[in-house]
Each structure stands twice: as structure tokens, then as C-alpha cells.
PDB file of N, CA and C in Angstrom:
ATOM      1  N   UNK A   1      -7.947  23.461 -28.045  1.00  0.00           N
ATOM      2  CA  UNK A   1      -7.242  24.682 -27.730  1.00  0.00           C
ATOM      3  C   UNK A   1      -7.490  25.019 -26.260  1.00  0.00           C
ATOM      4  N   UNK A   2      -6.465  25.507 -25.582  1.00  0.00           N
ATOM      5  CA  UNK A   2      -6.591  25.803 -24.157  1.00  0.00           C
ATOM      6  C   UNK A   2      -7.354  27.102 -23.927  1.00  0.00           C
ATOM      7  N   UNK A   3      -7.708  27.319 -22.664  1.00  0.00           N
ATOM      8  CA  UNK A   3      -8.455  28.503 -22.256  1.00  0.00           C
ATOM      9  C   UNK A   3      -7.671  29.192 -21.140  1.00  0.00           C
ATOM     10  N   UNK A   4      -7.518  30.499 -21.227  1.00  0.00           N
ATOM     11  CA  UNK A   4      -6.705  31.258 -20.287  1.00  0.00           C
ATOM     12  C   UNK A   4      -7.567  32.211 -19.471  1.00  0.00           C
ATOM     13  N   UNK A   5      -7.287  32.268 -18.161  1.00  0.00           N
ATOM     14  CA  UNK A   5      -7.878  33.252 -17.254  1.00  0.00           C
ATOM     15  C   UNK A   5      -6.755  34.187 -16.838  1.00  0.00           C
ATOM     16  N   UNK A   6      -6.969  35.484 -17.017  1.00  0.00           N
ATOM     17  CA  UNK A   6      -5.979  36.489 -16.634  1.00  0.00           C
ATOM     18  C   UNK A   6      -6.598  37.372 -15.561  1.00  0.00           C
ATOM     19  N   UNK A   7      -5.863  37.535 -14.449  1.00  0.00           N
ATOM     20  CA  UNK A   7      -6.297  38.404 -13.354  1.00  0.00           C
ATOM     21  C   UNK A   7      -5.351  39.598 -13.305  1.00  0.00           C
ATOM     22  N   UNK A   8      -5.907  40.799 -13.468  1.00  0.00           N
ATOM     23  CA  UNK A   8      -5.143  42.044 -13.474  1.00  0.00           C
ATOM     24  C   UNK A   8      -5.438  42.782 -12.173  1.00  0.00           C
ATOM     25  N   UNK A   9      -4.462  42.822 -11.283  1.00  0.00           N
ATOM     26  CA  UNK A   9      -4.659  43.411  -9.958  1.00  0.00           C
ATOM     27  C   UNK A   9      -4.199  44.861  -9.947  1.00  0.00           C
ATOM     28  N   UNK A  10      -5.084  45.764  -9.519  1.00  0.00           N
ATOM     29  CA  UNK A  10      -4.772  47.187  -9.433  1.00  0.00           C
ATOM     30  C   UNK A  10      -3.696  47.432  -8.373  1.00  0.00           C
ATOM     31  N   UNK A  11      -3.085  48.604  -8.437  1.00  0.00           N
ATOM     32  CA  UNK A  11      -2.036  48.965  -7.484  1.00  0.00           C
ATOM     33  C   UNK A  11      -2.619  49.059  -6.069  1.00  0.00           C
ATOM     34  N   UNK A  12      -2.145  48.218  -5.134  1.00  0.00           N
ATOM     35  CA  UNK A  12      -2.681  48.235  -3.771  1.00  0.00           C
ATOM     36  C   UNK A  12      -2.065  49.354  -2.932  1.00  0.00           C
ATOM     37  N   UNK A  13      -2.725  49.675  -1.827  1.00  0.00           N
ATOM     38  CA  UNK A  13      -2.173  50.666  -0.898  1.00  0.00           C
ATOM     39  C   UNK A  13      -0.881  50.162  -0.267  1.00  0.00           C
ATOM     40  N   UNK A  14      -0.821  48.870   0.034  1.00  0.00           N
ATOM     41  CA  UNK A  14       0.351  48.269   0.678  1.00  0.00           C
ATOM     42  C   UNK A  14       0.856  47.114  -0.194  1.00  0.00           C
ATOM     43  N   UNK A  15       1.743  47.414  -1.148  1.00  0.00           N
ATOM     44  CA  UNK A  15       2.218  46.370  -2.055  1.00  0.00           C
ATOM     45  C   UNK A  15       2.869  45.180  -1.347  1.00  0.00           C
ATOM     46  N   UNK A  16       3.613  45.420  -0.286  1.00  0.00           N
ATOM     47  CA  UNK A  16       4.278  44.318   0.423  1.00  0.00           C
ATOM     48  C   UNK A  16       3.253  43.378   1.046  1.00  0.00           C
ATOM     49  N   UNK A  17       2.195  43.937   1.631  1.00  0.00           N
ATOM     50  CA  UNK A  17       1.143  43.102   2.227  1.00  0.00           C
ATOM     51  C   UNK A  17       0.414  42.316   1.139  1.00  0.00           C
ATOM     52  N   UNK A  18       0.152  42.951   0.008  1.00  0.00           N
ATOM     53  CA  UNK A  18      -0.477  42.259  -1.121  1.00  0.00           C
ATOM     54  C   UNK A  18       0.382  41.073  -1.547  1.00  0.00           C
ATOM     55  N   UNK A  19       1.668  41.333  -1.792  1.00  0.00           N
ATOM     56  CA  UNK A  19       2.564  40.279  -2.273  1.00  0.00           C
ATOM     57  C   UNK A  19       2.665  39.128  -1.278  1.00  0.00           C
ATOM     58  N   UNK A  20       2.741  39.452  -0.002  1.00  0.00           N
ATOM     59  CA  UNK A  20       2.827  38.420   1.029  1.00  0.00           C
ATOM     60  C   UNK A  20       1.571  37.551   1.024  1.00  0.00           C
ATOM     61  N   UNK A  21       0.399  38.183   1.011  1.00  0.00           N
ATOM     62  CA  UNK A  21      -0.852  37.421   1.025  1.00  0.00           C
ATOM     63  C   UNK A  21      -0.986  36.583  -0.247  1.00  0.00           C
ATOM     64  N   UNK A  22      -0.621  37.169  -1.374  1.00  0.00           N
ATOM     65  CA  UNK A  22      -0.736  36.421  -2.628  1.00  0.00           C
ATOM     66  C   UNK A  22       0.156  35.183  -2.590  1.00  0.00           C
ATOM     67  N   UNK A  23       1.409  35.357  -2.181  1.00  0.00           N
ATOM     68  CA  UNK A  23       2.365  34.245  -2.168  1.00  0.00           C
ATOM     69  C   UNK A  23       1.998  33.180  -1.141  1.00  0.00           C
ATOM     70  N   UNK A  24       1.559  33.608   0.035  1.00  0.00           N
ATOM     71  CA  UNK A  24       1.322  32.662   1.128  1.00  0.00           C
ATOM     72  C   UNK A  24      -0.070  32.045   1.117  1.00  0.00           C
ATOM     73  N   UNK A  25      -1.050  32.734   0.552  1.00  0.00           N
ATOM     74  CA  UNK A  25      -2.435  32.267   0.645  1.00  0.00           C
ATOM     75  C   UNK A  25      -3.108  32.117  -0.717  1.00  0.00           C
ATOM     76  N   UNK A  26      -3.218  33.214  -1.450  1.00  0.00           N
ATOM     77  CA  UNK A  26      -4.047  33.200  -2.656  1.00  0.00           C
ATOM     78  C   UNK A  26      -3.494  32.268  -3.738  1.00  0.00           C
ATOM     79  N   UNK A  27      -2.187  32.272  -3.926  1.00  0.00           N
ATOM     80  CA  UNK A  27      -1.620  31.397  -4.958  1.00  0.00           C
ATOM     81  C   UNK A  27      -1.880  29.930  -4.635  1.00  0.00           C
ATOM     82  N   UNK A  28      -1.876  29.582  -3.374  1.00  0.00           N
ATOM     83  CA  UNK A  28      -2.146  28.187  -2.987  1.00  0.00           C
ATOM     84  C   UNK A  28      -3.589  27.800  -3.291  1.00  0.00           C
ATOM     85  N   UNK A  29      -4.495  28.758  -3.143  1.00  0.00           N
ATOM     86  CA  UNK A  29      -5.893  28.487  -3.507  1.00  0.00           C
ATOM     87  C   UNK A  29      -5.998  28.229  -5.008  1.00  0.00           C
ATOM     88  N   UNK A  30      -5.307  29.036  -5.802  1.00  0.00           N
ATOM     89  CA  UNK A  30      -5.325  28.842  -7.249  1.00  0.00           C
ATOM     90  C   UNK A  30      -4.686  27.531  -7.668  1.00  0.00           C
ATOM     91  N   UNK A  31      -3.604  27.166  -7.013  1.00  0.00           N
ATOM     92  CA  UNK A  31      -2.925  25.912  -7.354  1.00  0.00           C
ATOM     93  C   UNK A  31      -3.793  24.690  -7.081  1.00  0.00           C
ATOM     94  N   UNK A  32      -4.810  24.843  -6.243  1.00  0.00           N
ATOM     95  CA  UNK A  32      -5.713  23.728  -5.922  1.00  0.00           C
ATOM     96  C   UNK A  32      -6.828  23.555  -6.952  1.00  0.00           C
ATOM     97  N   UNK A  33      -6.940  24.477  -7.926  1.00  0.00           N
ATOM     98  CA  UNK A  33      -8.014  24.366  -8.920  1.00  0.00           C
ATOM     99  C   UNK A  33      -7.907  23.045  -9.675  1.00  0.00           C
ATOM    100  N   UNK A  34      -8.995  22.291  -9.730  1.00  0.00           N
ATOM    101  CA  UNK A  34      -8.962  21.084 -10.554  1.00  0.00           C
ATOM    102  C   UNK A  34      -8.848  21.481 -12.029  1.00  0.00           C
ATOM    103  N   UNK A  35      -8.073  20.726 -12.778  1.00  0.00           N
ATOM    104  CA  UNK A  35      -7.938  20.984 -14.207  1.00  0.00           C
ATOM    105  C   UNK A  35      -6.954  22.076 -14.572  1.00  0.00           C
ATOM    106  N   UNK A  36      -6.269  22.656 -13.589  1.00  0.00           N
ATOM    107  CA  UNK A  36      -5.297  23.712 -13.869  1.00  0.00           C
ATOM    108  C   UNK A  36      -4.085  23.127 -14.591  1.00  0.00           C
ATOM    109  N   UNK A  37      -3.740  23.708 -15.730  1.00  0.00           N
ATOM    110  CA  UNK A  37      -2.570  23.248 -16.500  1.00  0.00           C
ATOM    111  C   UNK A  37      -1.321  24.028 -16.149  1.00  0.00           C
ATOM    112  N   UNK A  38      -1.459  25.335 -15.966  1.00  0.00           N
ATOM    113  CA  UNK A  38      -0.314  26.159 -15.579  1.00  0.00           C
ATOM    114  C   UNK A  38      -0.813  27.404 -14.864  1.00  0.00           C
ATOM    115  N   UNK A  39       0.075  28.003 -14.068  1.00  0.00           N
ATOM    116  CA  UNK A  39      -0.259  29.174 -13.261  1.00  0.00           C
ATOM    117  C   UNK A  39       1.016  29.993 -13.143  1.00  0.00           C
ATOM    118  N   UNK A  40       1.024  31.172 -13.755  1.00  0.00           N
ATOM    119  CA  UNK A  40       2.184  32.055 -13.694  1.00  0.00           C
ATOM    120  C   UNK A  40       1.735  33.447 -13.292  1.00  0.00           C
ATOM    121  N   UNK A  41       2.691  34.264 -12.888  1.00  0.00           N
ATOM    122  CA  UNK A  41       2.372  35.633 -12.523  1.00  0.00           C
ATOM    123  C   UNK A  41       3.568  36.537 -12.740  1.00  0.00           C
ATOM    124  N   UNK A  42       3.297  37.838 -12.828  1.00  0.00           N
ATOM    125  CA  UNK A  42       4.368  38.808 -13.012  1.00  0.00           C
ATOM    126  C   UNK A  42       3.979  40.146 -12.402  1.00  0.00           C
ATOM    127  N   UNK A  43       4.993  40.861 -11.944  1.00  0.00           N
ATOM    128  CA  UNK A  43       4.830  42.256 -11.551  1.00  0.00           C
ATOM    129  C   UNK A  43       5.276  43.071 -12.766  1.00  0.00           C
ATOM    130  N   UNK A  44       4.348  43.722 -13.465  1.00  0.00           N
ATOM    131  CA  UNK A  44       4.725  44.451 -14.678  1.00  0.00           C
ATOM    132  C   UNK A  44       5.753  45.550 -14.401  1.00  0.00           C
ATOM    133  N   UNK A  45       6.695  45.673 -15.312  1.00  0.00           N
ATOM    134  CA  UNK A  45       7.720  46.713 -15.228  1.00  0.00           C
ATOM    135  C   UNK A  45       7.121  48.051 -15.660  1.00  0.00           C
ATOM    136  N   UNK A  46       7.776  49.147 -15.285  1.00  0.00           N
ATOM    137  CA  UNK A  46       7.323  50.454 -15.778  1.00  0.00           C
ATOM    138  C   UNK A  46       7.352  50.487 -17.304  1.00  0.00           C
ATOM    139  N   UNK A  47       6.560  51.384 -17.870  1.00  0.00           N
ATOM    140  CA  UNK A  47       6.515  51.532 -19.319  1.00  0.00           C
ATOM    141  C   UNK A  47       7.800  52.122 -19.864  1.00  0.00           C
ATOM    142  N   UNK A  48       7.930  52.196 -21.185  1.00  0.00           N
ATOM    143  CA  UNK A  48       9.146  52.737 -21.807  1.00  0.00           C
ATOM    144  C   UNK A  48       9.442  54.173 -21.388  1.00  0.00           C
ATOM    145  N   UNK A  49       8.394  54.903 -21.021  1.00  0.00           N
ATOM    146  CA  UNK A  49       8.579  56.288 -20.585  1.00  0.00           C
ATOM    147  C   UNK A  49       8.834  56.393 -19.085  1.00  0.00           C
ATOM    148  N   UNK A  50       8.930  55.240 -18.404  1.00  0.00           N
ATOM    149  CA  UNK A  50       9.169  55.238 -16.963  1.00  0.00           C
ATOM    150  C   UNK A  50       7.911  55.315 -16.124  1.00  0.00           C
ATOM    151  N   UNK A  51       6.764  55.471 -16.772  1.00  0.00           N
ATOM    152  CA  UNK A  51       5.502  55.551 -16.027  1.00  0.00           C
ATOM    153  C   UNK A  51       5.211  54.206 -15.365  1.00  0.00           C
ATOM    154  N   UNK A  52       4.652  54.236 -14.157  1.00  0.00           N
ATOM    155  CA  UNK A  52       4.325  52.976 -13.491  1.00  0.00           C
ATOM    156  C   UNK A  52       3.317  52.170 -14.305  1.00  0.00           C
ATOM    157  N   UNK A  53       3.432  50.868 -14.189  1.00  0.00           N
ATOM    158  CA  UNK A  53       2.472  49.982 -14.854  1.00  0.00           C
ATOM    159  C   UNK A  53       1.089  50.208 -14.257  1.00  0.00           C
ATOM    160  N   UNK A  54       0.038  50.037 -15.046  1.00  0.00           N
ATOM    161  CA  UNK A  54      -1.314  50.245 -14.522  1.00  0.00           C
ATOM    162  C   UNK A  54      -1.752  49.152 -13.555  1.00  0.00           C
ATOM    163  N   UNK A  55      -1.026  48.043 -13.519  1.00  0.00           N
ATOM    164  CA  UNK A  55      -1.380  46.940 -12.630  1.00  0.00           C
ATOM    165  C   UNK A  55      -0.176  46.568 -11.776  1.00  0.00           C
ATOM    166  N   UNK A  56      -0.460  46.171 -10.528  1.00  0.00           N
ATOM    167  CA  UNK A  56       0.597  45.734  -9.622  1.00  0.00           C
ATOM    168  C   UNK A  56       1.033  44.309  -9.936  1.00  0.00           C
ATOM    169  N   UNK A  57       0.064  43.456 -10.266  1.00  0.00           N
ATOM    170  CA  UNK A  57       0.363  42.043 -10.493  1.00  0.00           C
ATOM    171  C   UNK A  57      -0.593  41.494 -11.537  1.00  0.00           C
ATOM    172  N   UNK A  58      -0.088  40.587 -12.362  1.00  0.00           N
ATOM    173  CA  UNK A  58      -0.897  39.925 -13.382  1.00  0.00           C
ATOM    174  C   UNK A  58      -0.693  38.420 -13.223  1.00  0.00           C
ATOM    175  N   UNK A  59      -1.788  37.700 -13.025  1.00  0.00           N
ATOM    176  CA  UNK A  59      -1.745  36.240 -12.914  1.00  0.00           C
ATOM    177  C   UNK A  59      -2.368  35.629 -14.160  1.00  0.00           C
ATOM    178  N   UNK A  60      -1.774  34.543 -14.638  1.00  0.00           N
ATOM    179  CA  UNK A  60      -2.246  33.858 -15.838  1.00  0.00           C
ATOM    180  C   UNK A  60      -2.434  32.385 -15.502  1.00  0.00           C
ATOM    181  N   UNK A  61      -3.674  31.919 -15.615  1.00  0.00           N
ATOM    182  CA  UNK A  61      -4.009  30.520 -15.330  1.00  0.00           C
ATOM    183  C   UNK A  61      -4.518  29.879 -16.609  1.00  0.00           C
ATOM    184  N   UNK A  62      -4.029  28.693 -16.902  1.00  0.00           N
ATOM    185  CA  UNK A  62      -4.404  28.015 -18.141  1.00  0.00           C
ATOM    186  C   UNK A  62      -5.124  26.703 -17.828  1.00  0.00           C
ATOM    187  N   UNK A  63      -6.208  26.472 -18.571  1.00  0.00           N
ATOM    188  CA  UNK A  63      -7.035  25.274 -18.430  1.00  0.00           C
ATOM    189  C   UNK A  63      -7.191  24.612 -19.795  1.00  0.00           C
ATOM    190  N   UNK A  64      -7.655  23.365 -19.800  1.00  0.00           N
ATOM    191  CA  UNK A  64      -7.841  22.648 -21.064  1.00  0.00           C
ATOM    192  C   UNK A  64      -8.852  23.327 -21.972  1.00  0.00           C
ATOM    193  N   UNK A  65      -9.934  23.857 -21.386  1.00  0.00           N
ATOM    194  CA  UNK A  65     -10.995  24.475 -22.177  1.00  0.00           C
ATOM    195  C   UNK A  65     -11.895  25.292 -21.257  1.00  0.00           C
ATOM    196  N   UNK A  66     -12.888  25.953 -21.847  1.00  0.00           N
ATOM    197  CA  UNK A  66     -13.819  26.789 -21.083  1.00  0.00           C
ATOM    198  C   UNK A  66     -14.535  25.976 -20.013  1.00  0.00           C
ATOM    199  N   UNK A  67     -14.918  24.752 -20.334  1.00  0.00           N
ATOM    200  CA  UNK A  67     -15.632  23.907 -19.368  1.00  0.00           C
ATOM    201  C   UNK A  67     -14.773  23.627 -18.143  1.00  0.00           C
ATOM    202  N   UNK A  68     -13.480  23.404 -18.337  1.00  0.00           N
ATOM    203  CA  UNK A  68     -12.582  23.149 -17.203  1.00  0.00           C
ATOM    204  C   UNK A  68     -12.442  24.395 -16.337  1.00  0.00           C
ATOM    205  N   UNK A  69     -12.335  25.571 -16.961  1.00  0.00           N
ATOM    206  CA  UNK A  69     -12.278  26.824 -16.201  1.00  0.00           C
ATOM    207  C   UNK A  69     -13.568  27.032 -15.425  1.00  0.00           C
ATOM    208  N   UNK A  70     -14.700  26.848 -16.086  1.00  0.00           N
ATOM    209  CA  UNK A  70     -15.995  27.019 -15.421  1.00  0.00           C
ATOM    210  C   UNK A  70     -16.138  26.080 -14.233  1.00  0.00           C
ATOM    211  N   UNK A  71     -15.716  24.827 -14.397  1.00  0.00           N
ATOM    212  CA  UNK A  71     -15.817  23.852 -13.312  1.00  0.00           C
ATOM    213  C   UNK A  71     -14.920  24.247 -12.145  1.00  0.00           C
ATOM    214  N   UNK A  72     -13.717  24.720 -12.443  1.00  0.00           N
ATOM    215  CA  UNK A  72     -12.802  25.138 -11.378  1.00  0.00           C
ATOM    216  C   UNK A  72     -13.377  26.313 -10.596  1.00  0.00           C
ATOM    217  N   UNK A  73     -13.938  27.291 -11.299  1.00  0.00           N
ATOM    218  CA  UNK A  73     -14.474  28.477 -10.627  1.00  0.00           C
ATOM    219  C   UNK A  73     -15.751  28.172  -9.860  1.00  0.00           C
ATOM    220  N   UNK A  74     -16.539  27.216 -10.331  1.00  0.00           N
ATOM    221  CA  UNK A  74     -17.801  26.876  -9.662  1.00  0.00           C
ATOM    222  C   UNK A  74     -17.593  25.970  -8.457  1.00  0.00           C
ATOM    223  N   UNK A  75     -16.464  25.284  -8.411  1.00  0.00           N
ATOM    224  CA  UNK A  75     -16.202  24.346  -7.325  1.00  0.00           C
ATOM    225  C   UNK A  75     -15.760  25.058  -6.057  1.00  0.00           C
ATOM    226  N   UNK A  76     -15.550  24.304  -4.987  1.00  0.00           N
ATOM    227  CA  UNK A  76     -15.159  24.903  -3.708  1.00  0.00           C
ATOM    228  C   UNK A  76     -13.826  25.645  -3.784  1.00  0.00           C
ATOM    229  N   UNK A  77     -12.907  25.175  -4.618  1.00  0.00           N
ATOM    230  CA  UNK A  77     -11.615  25.851  -4.751  1.00  0.00           C
ATOM    231  C   UNK A  77     -11.789  27.235  -5.369  1.00  0.00           C
ATOM    232  N   UNK A  78     -12.601  27.319  -6.410  1.00  0.00           N
ATOM    233  CA  UNK A  78     -12.863  28.607  -7.046  1.00  0.00           C
ATOM    234  C   UNK A  78     -13.612  29.556  -6.137  1.00  0.00           C
ATOM    235  N   UNK A  79     -14.587  29.027  -5.413  1.00  0.00           N
ATOM    236  CA  UNK A  79     -15.352  29.856  -4.482  1.00  0.00           C
ATOM    237  C   UNK A  79     -14.445  30.401  -3.382  1.00  0.00           C
ATOM    238  N   UNK A  80     -13.511  29.573  -2.893  1.00  0.00           N
ATOM    239  CA  UNK A  80     -12.576  30.022  -1.858  1.00  0.00           C
ATOM    240  C   UNK A  80     -11.662  31.122  -2.397  1.00  0.00           C
ATOM    241  N   UNK A  81     -11.198  30.976  -3.637  1.00  0.00           N
ATOM    242  CA  UNK A  81     -10.323  31.985  -4.230  1.00  0.00           C
ATOM    243  C   UNK A  81     -11.062  33.305  -4.424  1.00  0.00           C
ATOM    244  N   UNK A  82     -12.293  33.243  -4.887  1.00  0.00           N
ATOM    245  CA  UNK A  82     -13.089  34.467  -5.068  1.00  0.00           C
ATOM    246  C   UNK A  82     -13.334  35.139  -3.715  1.00  0.00           C
ATOM    247  N   UNK A  83     -13.677  34.363  -2.700  1.00  0.00           N
ATOM    248  CA  UNK A  83     -13.921  34.924  -1.365  1.00  0.00           C
ATOM    249  C   UNK A  83     -12.652  35.564  -0.803  1.00  0.00           C
ATOM    250  N   UNK A  84     -11.494  35.003  -1.123  1.00  0.00           N
ATOM    251  CA  UNK A  84     -10.225  35.515  -0.597  1.00  0.00           C
ATOM    252  C   UNK A  84      -9.853  36.874  -1.177  1.00  0.00           C
ATOM    253  N   UNK A  85     -10.396  37.250  -2.317  1.00  0.00           N
ATOM    254  CA  UNK A  85     -10.063  38.543  -2.922  1.00  0.00           C
ATOM    255  C   UNK A  85     -10.301  39.698  -1.957  1.00  0.00           C
ATOM    256  N   UNK A  86     -11.329  39.601  -1.136  1.00  0.00           N
ATOM    257  CA  UNK A  86     -11.638  40.664  -0.176  1.00  0.00           C
ATOM    258  C   UNK A  86     -10.527  40.839   0.859  1.00  0.00           C
ATOM    259  N   UNK A  87      -9.687  39.837   1.023  1.00  0.00           N
ATOM    260  CA  UNK A  87      -8.633  39.888   2.033  1.00  0.00           C
ATOM    261  C   UNK A  87      -7.367  40.618   1.585  1.00  0.00           C
ATOM    262  N   UNK A  88      -7.228  40.886   0.283  1.00  0.00           N
ATOM    263  CA  UNK A  88      -5.982  41.519  -0.163  1.00  0.00           C
ATOM    264  C   UNK A  88      -6.124  42.377  -1.420  1.00  0.00           C
ATOM    265  N   UNK A  89      -7.208  42.251  -2.164  1.00  0.00           N
ATOM    266  CA  UNK A  89      -7.335  42.935  -3.457  1.00  0.00           C
ATOM    267  C   UNK A  89      -8.348  44.075  -3.396  1.00  0.00           C
ATOM    268  N   UNK A  90      -8.293  44.844  -2.329  1.00  0.00           N
ATOM    269  CA  UNK A  90      -9.239  45.941  -2.151  1.00  0.00           C
ATOM    270  C   UNK A  90      -9.148  47.017  -3.219  1.00  0.00           C
ATOM    271  N   UNK A  91      -8.002  47.139  -3.870  1.00  0.00           N
ATOM    272  CA  UNK A  91      -7.845  48.140  -4.928  1.00  0.00           C
ATOM    273  C   UNK A  91      -8.542  47.718  -6.211  1.00  0.00           C
ATOM    274  N   UNK A  92      -8.899  46.430  -6.291  1.00  0.00           N
ATOM    275  CA  UNK A  92      -9.642  45.938  -7.445  1.00  0.00           C
ATOM    276  C   UNK A  92      -8.868  44.930  -8.265  1.00  0.00           C
ATOM    277  N   UNK A  93      -9.629  44.080  -8.922  1.00  0.00           N
ATOM    278  CA  UNK A  93      -9.064  43.085  -9.826  1.00  0.00           C
ATOM    279  C   UNK A  93      -9.987  42.970 -11.030  1.00  0.00           C
ATOM    280  N   UNK A  94      -9.408  42.875 -12.200  1.00  0.00           N
ATOM    281  CA  UNK A  94     -10.155  42.667 -13.434  1.00  0.00           C
ATOM    282  C   UNK A  94      -9.837  41.269 -13.937  1.00  0.00           C
ATOM    283  N   UNK A  95     -10.873  40.479 -14.196  1.00  0.00           N
ATOM    284  CA  UNK A  95     -10.698  39.125 -14.714  1.00  0.00           C
ATOM    285  C   UNK A  95     -11.128  39.082 -16.171  1.00  0.00           C
ATOM    286  N   UNK A  96     -10.275  38.530 -17.013  1.00  0.00           N
ATOM    287  CA  UNK A  96     -10.609  38.318 -18.420  1.00  0.00           C
ATOM    288  C   UNK A  96     -10.230  36.885 -18.771  1.00  0.00           C
ATOM    289  N   UNK A  97     -10.988  36.291 -19.674  1.00  0.00           N
ATOM    290  CA  UNK A  97     -10.656  34.929 -20.088  1.00  0.00           C
ATOM    291  C   UNK A  97     -11.003  34.744 -21.551  1.00  0.00           C
ATOM    292  N   UNK A  98     -10.378  33.748 -22.139  1.00  0.00           N
ATOM    293  CA  UNK A  98     -10.660  33.453 -23.533  1.00  0.00           C
ATOM    294  C   UNK A  98      -9.830  32.295 -24.027  1.00  0.00           C
ATOM    295  N   UNK A  99     -10.154  31.881 -25.235  1.00  0.00           N
ATOM    296  CA  UNK A  99      -9.416  30.802 -25.870  1.00  0.00           C
ATOM    297  C   UNK A  99      -7.993  31.274 -26.153  1.00  0.00           C
ATOM    298  N   UNK A 100      -7.039  30.419 -25.886  1.00  0.00           N
ATOM    299  CA  UNK A 100      -5.632  30.759 -26.047  1.00  0.00           C
ATOM    300  C   UNK A 100      -5.189  30.532 -27.486  1.00  0.00           C
ATOM    301  N   UNK A 101      -4.516  31.516 -28.036  1.00  0.00           N
ATOM    302  CA  UNK A 101      -3.907  31.391 -29.350  1.00  0.00           C
ATOM    303  C   UNK A 101      -2.401  31.443 -29.168  1.00  0.00           C
ATOM    304  N   UNK A 102      -1.698  30.490 -29.728  1.00  0.00           N
ATOM    305  CA  UNK A 102      -0.242  30.449 -29.641  1.00  0.00           C
ATOM    306  C   UNK A 102       0.325  30.846 -30.996  1.00  0.00           C
ATOM    307  N   UNK A 103       1.179  31.856 -30.989  1.00  0.00           N
ATOM    308  CA  UNK A 103       1.840  32.307 -32.211  1.00  0.00           C
ATOM    309  C   UNK A 103       3.287  31.843 -32.139  1.00  0.00           C
ATOM    310  N   UNK A 104       3.749  31.206 -33.193  1.00  0.00           N
ATOM    311  CA  UNK A 104       5.123  30.701 -33.209  1.00  0.00           C
ATOM    312  C   UNK A 104       5.821  31.144 -34.484  1.00  0.00           C
ATOM    313  N   UNK A 105       7.050  31.526 -34.306  1.00  0.00           N
ATOM    314  CA  UNK A 105       7.910  31.867 -35.436  1.00  0.00           C
ATOM    315  C   UNK A 105       8.365  30.560 -36.077  1.00  0.00           C
ATOM    316  N   UNK A 106       8.334  30.458 -37.386  1.00  0.00           N
ATOM    317  CA  UNK A 106       8.803  29.222 -38.017  1.00  0.00           C
ATOM    318  C   UNK A 106      10.296  29.018 -37.744  1.00  0.00           C
ATOM    319  N   UNK A 107      10.691  27.774 -37.621  1.00  0.00           N
ATOM    320  CA  UNK A 107      12.102  27.438 -37.428  1.00  0.00           C
ATOM    321  C   UNK A 107      12.826  27.672 -38.744  1.00  0.00           C
ATOM    322  N   UNK A 108      13.908  28.401 -38.669  1.00  0.00           N
ATOM    323  CA  UNK A 108      14.678  28.712 -39.883  1.00  0.00           C
ATOM    324  C   UNK A 108      16.037  28.019 -39.794  1.00  0.00           C
ATOM    325  N   UNK A 109      16.428  27.419 -40.905  1.00  0.00           N
ATOM    326  CA  UNK A 109      17.661  26.640 -41.006  1.00  0.00           C
ATOM    327  C   UNK A 109      18.853  27.434 -40.741  1.00  0.00           C
TER     328      UNK A 109
END
């Protein structure tokens, strides 16, 4: 079963600067992680009541297992990505990880 790392980025003071740095620099650091299976991100939409989302950006990185995630974060690529957070994520980032569960609807004839 795969292992997922989710990064929840708080609303920055300058969203355009955040997005630019993420696209031009930080995402490239993440793409260099050894063992990375997939890397996606989204800017959450406002809630059903129109309230702003609590996070500006959510990144989802998938690895084969916990050991692969640990190795990526402990290596030079992971260390560079962690160090880069100070350059654009001053509003804060919350990292959560865990084993991935896939739920699928059965195929119906």
C-alpha cells in the first residue's frame, strides 16, 4: 500500500509571490525526491457558504511506502525542500502523512 504526504499551506500575505515561488522553485525540489510516485496540488475553492478555504494550497505526494517517504525526506532533496519553506511559507505549513487507502465504487453493468 502506498504512503501519502500532504502539505497544507496557510494563507500567505502575498498569494502571487507564494504561487510563483512554489511553481518555479519548490515544486522542482519536490519532483527531485527519490521514490516519488506522484505529486499533485490544488488551490482549495471557497466553502459552500462562500467562506475562504482555510488553506491557500494543498500538495499531495505519494510514495511506495513509509520507508520511501522517510528516505526522501532524510536525503539532500528532502533537506533542500524543508530549508526552502522559509523562503515562501512564512504563514505556516502543516504536514501530515499516512498509509493511503483507495476507495472504489464497484463497476455496475
